[in-house]
Protein backbone atom coordinates (compact mmCIF):
# COMPACT_ATOMS: atom_id res chain seq x y z
CA MET A 1 97.11 56.83 185.43
CA THR A 2 98.63 60.21 185.08
CA ASN A 3 98.55 60.96 188.75
CA ARG A 4 100.29 57.71 189.55
CA SER A 5 103.16 58.42 187.20
CA THR A 6 103.64 61.83 188.61
CA LYS A 7 103.77 60.57 192.13
CA LEU A 8 106.31 57.89 191.17
CA ALA A 9 108.54 60.38 189.56
CA CYS A 10 108.43 62.64 192.56
CA GLY A 11 109.33 59.76 194.81
CA LEU A 12 112.36 58.81 192.73
CA LEU A 13 113.59 62.39 192.67
CA ALA A 14 113.33 62.63 196.48
CA CYS A 15 115.25 59.45 196.93
CA GLY A 16 118.01 60.66 194.70
CA LEU A 17 118.45 63.83 196.61
CA THR A 18 118.67 61.93 199.92
CA LEU A 19 121.47 59.75 198.60
CA SER A 20 123.47 62.64 197.34
CA LEU A 21 123.35 64.40 200.65
CA ALA A 22 124.34 61.35 202.62
CA THR A 23 127.41 60.41 200.56
CA PRO A 24 129.96 62.77 202.14
CA VAL A 25 129.07 61.69 205.55
CA PHE A 26 129.85 58.10 204.76
CA ALA A 27 133.14 59.01 203.09
CA GLU A 28 134.44 60.89 206.05
CA GLU A 29 133.75 58.05 208.23
CA GLU A 30 135.51 55.34 206.22
CA VAL A 31 138.64 56.62 204.38
CA LYS A 32 140.06 60.04 204.23
CA THR A 33 142.20 59.32 201.00
CA PRO A 34 141.51 61.92 198.34
CA VAL A 35 140.45 60.72 194.95
CA THR A 36 141.89 62.29 191.80
CA TYR A 37 139.94 62.39 188.59
CA ALA A 38 141.65 62.88 185.21
CA ASP A 39 140.10 65.38 182.82
CA PRO A 40 138.97 63.93 179.58
CA ALA A 41 141.61 64.38 176.79
CA THR A 42 141.04 67.37 174.54
CA PRO A 43 140.79 66.11 170.94
CA GLU A 44 143.44 67.47 168.47
CA THR A 45 142.33 69.61 165.59
CA THR A 46 142.66 67.85 162.19
CA ASP A 47 141.98 68.70 158.49
CA ALA A 48 139.37 66.01 158.24
CA THR A 49 136.66 68.63 158.20
CA PRO A 50 137.88 71.71 156.21
CA ALA A 51 136.27 75.05 156.60
CA PRO A 52 133.49 75.71 154.08
CA LEU A 53 134.74 77.24 150.73
CA THR A 54 133.75 80.69 149.78
CA ALA A 55 132.12 81.52 146.39
CA THR A 56 135.44 82.78 145.07
CA ALA A 57 137.00 79.31 145.03
CA LEU A 58 135.77 79.02 141.41
CA THR A 59 135.57 82.06 139.11
CA PRO A 60 134.53 82.26 135.44
CA ASN A 61 137.10 83.26 132.84
CA ALA A 62 136.41 86.43 130.92
CA ASN A 63 136.22 86.73 127.12
CA VAL A 64 136.20 83.02 126.45
CA THR A 65 136.21 82.57 122.69
CA PHE A 66 136.41 79.50 120.49
CA VAL A 67 136.67 79.03 116.75
CA LYS A 68 133.77 77.20 115.25
CA ASP A 69 133.96 73.39 115.68
CA ALA A 70 136.76 73.69 118.28
CA THR A 71 137.04 71.12 121.12
CA THR A 72 136.41 72.48 124.64
CA THR A 73 137.01 71.32 128.25
CA PRO A 74 135.47 72.64 131.51
CA ALA A 75 138.86 74.07 132.49
CA ASP A 76 138.58 76.47 129.52
CA PHE A 77 135.75 78.33 131.26
CA VAL A 78 136.83 78.75 134.91
CA THR A 79 139.81 79.49 137.14
CA ILE A 80 140.35 77.06 140.09
CA GLN A 81 141.80 78.25 143.43
CA GLU A 82 141.74 74.91 145.28
CA THR A 83 143.84 71.85 144.57
CA GLY A 84 142.32 68.43 144.18
CA THR A 85 139.30 69.82 142.46
CA THR A 86 137.59 68.17 139.52
CA LEU A 87 135.51 69.98 136.91
CA ALA A 88 132.66 68.81 134.71
CA PHE A 89 129.96 70.27 132.54
CA LYS A 90 126.54 70.21 134.10
CA ALA A 91 124.39 67.79 132.19
CA GLY A 92 122.43 69.52 129.47
CA THR A 93 124.63 72.62 129.41
CA GLU A 94 127.71 71.19 127.67
CA ALA A 95 129.55 73.77 125.61
CA LYS A 96 128.97 73.43 121.88
CA THR A 97 130.93 75.12 119.08
CA SER A 98 129.09 73.92 116.00
CA VAL A 99 127.34 77.27 115.56
CA ALA A 100 128.83 80.75 115.78
CA GLY A 101 127.37 83.04 118.44
CA THR A 102 127.41 83.83 122.20
CA PHE A 103 126.32 81.08 124.64
CA GLN A 104 126.46 79.96 128.31
CA THR A 105 127.52 76.73 130.00
CA THR A 106 127.41 75.58 133.64
CA ILE A 107 130.54 74.15 135.25
CA ILE A 108 130.37 71.90 138.37
CA ALA A 109 133.46 71.85 140.59
CA THR A 110 133.87 68.97 143.09
CA PHE A 111 136.36 69.83 145.84
CA ALA A 112 138.49 67.47 147.95
CA ASP A 113 135.91 67.41 150.75
CA THR A 114 133.31 66.28 148.21
CA THR A 115 131.52 69.59 148.36
CA THR A 116 130.52 71.07 145.01
CA GLN A 117 130.10 74.47 143.45
CA GLU A 118 128.33 75.46 140.22
CA ILE A 119 129.18 78.46 138.14
CA VAL A 120 127.73 79.78 134.87
CA ALA A 121 130.28 80.88 132.26
CA ASP A 122 129.74 82.88 129.05
CA TYR A 123 131.58 82.03 125.85
CA THR A 124 131.61 83.05 122.20
CA VAL A 125 132.00 80.92 119.07
CA THR A 126 133.42 82.64 115.96
CA GLU A 127 133.70 81.66 112.35
CA PRO A 128 137.20 80.50 111.40
CA ALA A 129 139.37 83.18 109.81
CA LYS A 130 139.26 82.78 106.07
CA ALA A 131 142.57 82.15 104.46
CA PRO A 132 143.50 85.07 102.21
CA VAL A 133 142.56 84.32 98.66
CA LYS A 134 145.68 84.34 96.58
CA ALA A 135 145.07 86.48 93.55
CA ALA A 136 145.50 84.60 90.33
CA ALA A 137 148.38 85.79 88.23
CA PRO A 138 147.11 88.12 85.47
CA LEU A 139 147.10 86.70 81.98
CA ALA A 140 148.87 89.81 80.71
CA THR A 141 150.08 93.15 82.06
CA ALA A 142 150.19 96.50 80.30
CA LYS A 143 153.56 97.83 79.23
CA VAL A 144 154.50 101.41 80.04
CA ASP A 145 155.92 104.17 77.87
CA VAL A 146 154.81 102.47 74.65
CA THR A 147 155.43 104.53 71.52
CA THR A 148 154.70 103.73 67.91
CA GLU A 149 155.31 105.49 64.64
CA ILE A 150 152.44 107.30 62.99
CA ASN A 151 150.76 105.36 60.19
CA VAL A 152 153.01 102.35 60.73
CA ALA A 153 150.73 99.33 61.17
CA VAL A 154 151.03 97.36 64.43
CA LYS A 155 149.59 93.85 64.15
CA ASP A 156 151.24 92.26 67.21
CA PRO A 157 149.54 92.98 70.59
CA ASN A 158 152.79 92.00 72.33
CA LYS A 159 153.96 95.54 71.57
CA PHE A 160 151.48 96.75 74.19
CA VAL A 161 151.35 93.98 76.84
CA THR A 162 153.49 91.28 78.44
CA ALA A 163 151.64 87.95 78.41
CA THR A 164 152.22 84.81 80.47
CA SER A 165 152.99 81.51 78.79
CA GLY A 166 150.14 79.92 76.88
CA VAL A 167 148.08 83.11 76.60
CA THR A 168 146.64 84.22 73.28
CA LEU A 169 146.42 87.95 72.56
CA SER A 170 144.26 89.98 70.19
CA PHE A 171 143.05 93.56 69.80
CA ALA A 172 139.51 94.38 70.85
CA LYS A 173 139.86 97.16 68.29
CA ALA A 174 142.83 98.01 66.12
CA PRO A 175 145.02 100.75 67.64
CA THR A 176 144.68 104.27 66.27
CA LEU A 177 147.85 105.21 64.40
CA ASN A 178 146.86 108.08 62.12
CA ARG A 179 147.27 110.94 64.57
CA ILE A 180 150.08 112.01 66.85
CA GLY A 181 149.51 111.99 70.62
CA THR A 182 148.38 109.77 73.49
CA GLN A 183 145.92 107.01 72.64
CA THR A 184 144.50 103.90 74.34
CA VAL A 185 144.01 100.38 73.06
CA THR A 186 142.34 97.32 74.59
CA VAL A 187 144.13 93.98 74.31
CA VAL A 188 142.15 90.78 74.89
CA ALA A 189 144.09 88.01 76.66
CA THR A 190 142.76 84.45 77.03
CA ASP A 191 144.13 81.11 78.16
CA GLY A 192 141.15 79.19 76.84
CA THR A 193 139.31 79.33 80.16
CA THR A 194 139.68 82.87 81.43
CA THR A 195 139.57 86.07 79.39
CA GLU A 196 140.92 89.45 80.46
CA ASN A 197 140.79 92.89 78.86
CA ILE A 198 143.88 95.04 79.37
CA THR A 199 143.73 98.75 78.57
CA VAL A 200 147.07 100.21 77.54
CA ASN A 201 148.14 103.81 77.04
CA TYR A 202 150.50 104.48 74.15
CA THR A 203 151.82 107.48 72.27
CA VAL A 204 151.87 107.92 68.51
CA VAL A 205 155.01 109.74 67.45
CA ASP A 206 156.68 110.73 64.21
CA THR A 207 160.44 110.33 64.26
CA THR A 208 160.86 109.19 60.68
CA LYS A 209 162.40 111.54 58.14
CA PRO A 210 160.72 112.07 54.79
CA VAL A 211 162.10 110.18 51.80
CA ILE A 212 163.19 112.26 48.80
CA ASP A 213 163.15 110.90 45.27
CA VAL A 214 165.25 113.06 42.94
CA TYR A 215 164.00 113.04 39.38
CA ASP A 216 167.42 113.95 37.94
CA ASN A 217 170.52 115.22 39.66
CA ASN A 218 172.15 116.84 36.62
CA PHE A 219 169.81 118.73 34.34
CA TYR A 220 169.52 121.80 32.14
CA VAL A 221 167.10 124.68 32.48
CA SER A 222 166.56 127.85 30.53
CA ALA A 223 167.59 131.22 31.87
CA ASP A 224 164.86 132.91 33.93
CA GLU A 225 162.69 129.80 33.78
CA GLU A 226 160.59 129.03 36.88
CA TRP A 227 161.05 125.66 38.51
CA PHE A 228 159.43 124.83 41.85
CA ALA A 229 160.91 122.36 44.31
CA ASP A 230 158.15 119.80 43.79
CA GLU A 231 158.93 119.77 40.05
CA LEU A 232 162.50 118.63 40.71
CA VAL A 233 161.97 116.05 43.44
CA ASP A 234 159.24 113.96 44.98
CA ALA A 235 158.97 113.32 48.73
CA THR A 236 156.94 110.93 50.86
CA ASP A 237 156.53 110.56 54.61
CA ASN A 238 154.81 108.08 56.92
CA SER A 239 152.67 110.90 58.31
CA GLY A 240 151.17 111.50 54.88
CA PHE A 241 152.23 115.14 54.93
CA VAL A 242 155.44 116.69 53.64
CA LYS A 243 156.35 120.09 52.27
CA LEU A 244 159.19 120.85 49.87
CA TYR A 245 161.16 124.05 49.71
CA PHE A 246 164.54 125.39 48.69
CA ALA A 247 167.08 125.69 51.51
CA ASN A 248 168.08 129.17 50.32
CA GLY A 249 164.56 130.42 51.02
CA GLN A 250 163.73 131.19 47.39
CA GLU A 251 160.36 130.18 46.05
CA THR A 252 161.73 128.93 42.73
CA LEU A 253 165.01 127.62 41.38
CA ASP A 254 167.60 130.33 40.81
CA THR A 255 167.95 130.59 37.01
CA SER A 256 169.10 134.19 36.91
CA LYS A 257 172.60 133.45 35.59
CA GLU A 258 173.95 130.93 33.12
CA GLY A 259 176.28 128.13 34.10
CA LYS A 260 176.46 125.07 36.35
CA GLN A 261 175.05 125.49 39.87
CA THR A 262 173.82 123.50 42.86
CA VAL A 263 170.74 123.83 45.01
CA GLU A 264 169.55 122.11 48.21
CA ILE A 265 165.93 121.06 48.56
CA ILE A 266 164.41 120.37 51.99
CA ALA A 267 161.56 117.95 52.68
CA GLU A 268 159.87 118.51 56.06
CA ASP A 269 156.99 116.63 57.70
CA ALA A 270 154.45 117.86 60.25
CA SER A 271 156.68 116.87 63.20
CA GLY A 272 159.65 118.85 61.91
CA ASN A 273 161.64 115.86 60.68
CA THR A 274 163.63 116.90 57.63
CA ALA A 275 165.56 115.33 54.78
CA SER A 276 167.51 117.11 52.08
CA ALA A 277 168.88 116.54 48.60
CA THR A 278 171.46 118.57 46.69
CA LEU A 279 170.89 118.90 42.95
CA THR A 280 173.25 120.04 40.21
CA TYR A 281 171.83 121.95 37.27
CA THR A 282 173.00 124.10 34.37
CA VAL A 283 171.32 127.29 33.24
CA VAL A 284 171.58 127.74 29.45
CA GLY A 285 170.69 130.55 27.06
CA GLU A 286 167.83 130.62 24.57
CA ASP A 287 170.00 129.44 21.64
CA PHE A 288 171.25 126.34 23.43
CA TYR A 289 170.49 122.99 21.75
CA PHE A 290 171.72 119.45 22.24
CA PHE A 291 172.14 118.47 18.61
CA ASP A 292 171.74 119.79 15.09
CA ALA A 293 168.44 120.49 13.42
CA PRO A 294 166.87 117.82 11.16
CA VAL A 295 167.80 117.94 7.44
CA VAL A 296 165.00 117.57 4.86
CA ASN A 297 165.59 115.39 1.81
CA VAL A 298 164.18 117.87 -0.72
CA ALA A 299 164.37 115.39 -3.59
CA LYS A 300 162.08 112.87 -1.93
CA THR A 301 159.80 115.24 -0.05
CA THR A 302 156.27 115.81 -1.34
CA ALA A 303 153.28 117.77 -0.08
CA THR A 304 152.16 114.77 2.00
CA ASP A 305 155.46 113.01 2.79
CA VAL A 306 158.50 114.62 4.33
CA PHE A 307 161.79 112.67 4.31
CA GLY A 308 165.10 113.52 5.94
CA THR A 309 167.68 112.74 8.60
CA ALA A 310 167.92 113.76 12.27
CA GLU A 311 169.60 112.66 15.49
CA PRO A 312 169.23 108.85 15.57
CA LEU A 313 166.44 107.43 17.70
CA THR A 314 164.78 110.76 18.30
CA THR A 315 161.26 111.95 17.51
CA VAL A 316 160.98 114.44 14.65
CA VAL A 317 158.11 116.92 14.63
CA ILE A 318 156.93 119.30 11.87
CA LEU A 319 155.46 122.56 13.19
CA SER A 320 153.52 125.34 11.52
CA GLU A 321 154.59 128.96 11.79
CA ASP A 322 152.19 129.22 14.72
CA GLY A 323 153.88 126.34 16.53
CA VAL A 324 151.12 123.83 15.82
CA SER A 325 152.26 120.24 15.21
CA LEU A 326 151.46 119.05 11.68
CA GLY A 327 152.93 115.55 12.06
CA GLN A 328 155.71 113.52 13.61
CA SER A 329 157.74 110.34 13.26
CA ASP A 330 160.73 108.58 14.82
CA ALA A 331 164.19 108.60 13.31
CA ASP A 332 165.74 105.14 13.05
CA GLU A 333 169.16 104.13 14.32
CA ASN A 334 170.71 105.76 11.26
CA GLY A 335 168.74 108.96 11.75
CA ASN A 336 166.38 108.49 8.75
CA PHE A 337 162.79 109.62 9.21
CA HIS A 338 159.59 109.78 7.18
CA ILE A 339 156.66 111.95 8.29
CA LYS A 340 153.31 111.46 6.56
CA LEU A 341 151.15 114.59 6.79
CA GLY A 342 147.41 114.48 7.23
CA THR A 343 147.04 117.89 5.57
CA PRO A 344 149.18 118.40 2.44
CA LEU A 345 151.62 121.28 2.32
CA VAL A 346 150.94 124.11 -0.16
CA ASN A 347 153.44 126.02 -2.18
CA GLY A 348 155.01 128.82 -0.22
CA GLN A 349 154.10 127.29 3.16
CA THR A 350 156.87 127.58 5.74
CA VAL A 351 157.27 124.91 8.39
CA PHE A 352 159.82 124.13 11.13
CA LEU A 353 161.37 120.78 11.99
CA GLY A 354 162.86 119.76 15.29
CA SER A 355 163.75 116.52 17.03
CA PHE A 356 163.90 115.48 20.67
CA ASP A 357 164.71 112.47 22.79
CA MET A 358 161.60 111.26 24.60
CA ASP A 359 163.67 109.63 27.36
CA THR A 360 166.24 112.29 28.13
CA GLY A 361 164.46 115.44 26.99
CA GLU A 362 167.37 116.46 24.77
CA PHE A 363 166.33 118.45 21.73
CA SER A 364 167.69 119.87 18.54
CA ASP A 365 167.89 123.23 16.88
CA LEU A 366 165.01 124.13 14.55
CA ALA A 367 165.20 123.77 10.78
CA GLU A 368 163.12 126.16 8.65
CA PHE A 369 161.71 124.69 5.44
CA THR A 370 159.58 126.43 2.78
CA PHE A 371 157.69 124.13 0.47
CA GLN A 372 158.39 125.71 -2.92
CA GLY A 373 160.30 123.38 -5.06
CA GLY A 374 162.13 122.35 -1.92
CA THR A 375 164.43 124.90 -0.33
CA LEU A 376 165.86 124.33 3.15
CA LYS A 377 167.26 126.72 5.65
CA VAL A 378 168.98 125.49 8.82
CA ASP A 379 170.22 127.79 11.58
CA PRO A 380 173.57 126.48 12.80
CA VAL A 381 174.15 125.66 16.47
CA GLU A 382 176.66 128.03 17.99
CA ASN A 383 178.03 125.44 20.43
CA ALA A 384 178.24 122.14 18.63
CA GLU A 385 179.67 120.26 21.65
CA LYS A 386 177.11 117.81 22.98
CA PRO A 387 176.63 118.01 26.73
CA SER A 388 176.12 114.93 28.84
CA ILE A 389 172.70 113.36 28.53
CA THR A 390 170.48 114.86 31.20
CA GLN A 391 166.81 115.23 31.92
CA VAL A 392 165.22 118.52 30.92
CA VAL A 393 161.55 117.58 30.64
CA LYS A 394 159.42 118.72 33.53
CA LYS A 395 157.80 115.73 35.11
CA ALA A 396 154.44 115.64 36.85
CA PRO A 397 155.40 114.73 40.42
CA ILE A 398 153.00 113.30 42.95
CA LYS A 399 151.82 116.22 45.02
CA VAL A 400 152.15 115.42 48.68
CA ALA A 401 151.84 118.65 50.58
CA THR A 402 151.61 121.34 47.94
CA ALA A 403 148.62 122.23 45.83
CA GLU A 404 148.50 121.27 42.18
CA LYS A 405 150.19 124.01 40.21
CA THR A 406 149.10 125.11 36.75
CA THR A 407 151.75 124.89 34.05
CA ASN A 408 151.76 126.12 30.48
CA LEU A 409 153.55 123.01 29.27
CA LYS A 410 151.56 120.50 27.27
CA SER A 411 152.11 116.80 26.67
CA LEU A 412 154.16 115.53 23.76
CA PRO A 413 152.17 114.34 20.75
CA LYS A 414 152.21 110.61 20.24
CA THR A 415 154.24 109.23 17.35
CA GLY A 416 152.15 109.23 14.18
CA ASP A 417 149.45 111.41 15.75
CA GLU A 418 148.25 113.74 12.98
CA SER A 419 145.65 115.56 15.06
CA THR A 420 147.97 117.40 17.42
CA SER A 421 146.64 120.91 16.93
CA GLY A 422 147.45 123.13 19.88
CA LEU A 423 150.06 120.75 21.42
CA VAL A 424 153.38 122.30 22.30
CA PHE A 425 156.63 120.67 21.31
CA ALA A 426 157.78 119.42 24.75
CA GLY A 427 161.30 118.66 23.57
CA LEU A 428 161.89 122.41 23.33
CA LEU A 429 161.08 123.03 26.98
CA LEU A 430 164.02 125.37 27.45
CA SER A 431 162.27 128.14 25.59
CA GLY A 432 158.92 126.77 24.46
CA THR A 433 158.12 125.78 20.88
CA THR A 434 156.03 128.77 20.00
CA VAL A 435 158.64 131.14 21.31
CA ALA A 436 161.34 129.30 19.38
CA VAL A 437 159.35 129.37 16.17
CA LEU A 438 158.51 133.04 16.53
CA ARG A 439 162.16 133.78 17.28
CA LYS A 440 163.14 131.95 14.10
CA ARG A 441 160.58 133.91 12.11
CA SER A 442 161.92 137.19 13.43
């Protein structure tokens, strides 16, 4: 079978060649008209089949970032260089923004010629920026340059802070006010829900002058008698400390010459604040008295009862020759007095009588009386004119800044006190009772 097919094919090929060689011969013999053949038309070039796209037709965007839970589209991830192109996420690689981090997605681009291109794009998901937390307004703010007086109580915290409406203030601990200088205090502020502690700096100062209390501004003193400033006035200060001194620099009152004089006393606290008071005083001699000596009623007087008259409403005292009080009593509004003695007088015993005003310190001259049938001797007062009523008794002032000073003056015996041995007759403070008695004796 194979040989037969081969032979047939060879026969057909030989026949074909014979016909092709014979054709020109026949043509020359029949018609000599040339035949023209038209070339097939060359087809025009069209855009129906565009050239293949390069890999740069679709490029990924750099630094693609989304905020968490943001909505995305494929166009967010790539840049397109060809028109008529559609983009889509490749199934299973859709971009998600529910979790913060760095991820990848695949974008499929379908071009106008229906060809496609895939590209992998990186992207980052970030947490949303937190809105700045607005600080709550403070319940209270510290004041600046706060000053307060030393030892002046401060009960209101508003002195140290400025509070908003509806806030209650209190001290965590009471402020220190007993020493000068910079201190701190903590104020507690609360609105019922929130509580704040505010620390405040403040300064304790002393700008207050001392206060002077003058015992008497017109008084009498004996010549050469010592009087210290704190015996004439009292002074207080909010600092708790004050010193008193004479403005002229002398330690004691100037009693070197008789007559009316003035003196200025200064009160000064630890911060140098000062106050002053000017006093008027009169220096008198040893024989100066305010009123006449008592007069003994010899007819009525006995060894145990002494009767007489003296300056009305004064206290009358009987003294021994040694200046010891033997008894005392008050003169009534008419000047009558009656002193009952605890120890009877004896014949020949000499005693002295004097009277004084317990309120003003005015005193009388001394009367000398010898109990011997009743004789009375009274030394007359050289100047019978009564001066104005003034204080002459040394008081016991409250010592503020000076040490307690010893004095040789004793307290007055109480009315009716018969056991007054050793007490000095305070109404005779100008010279002292003992000195007066001894002067009388001499």
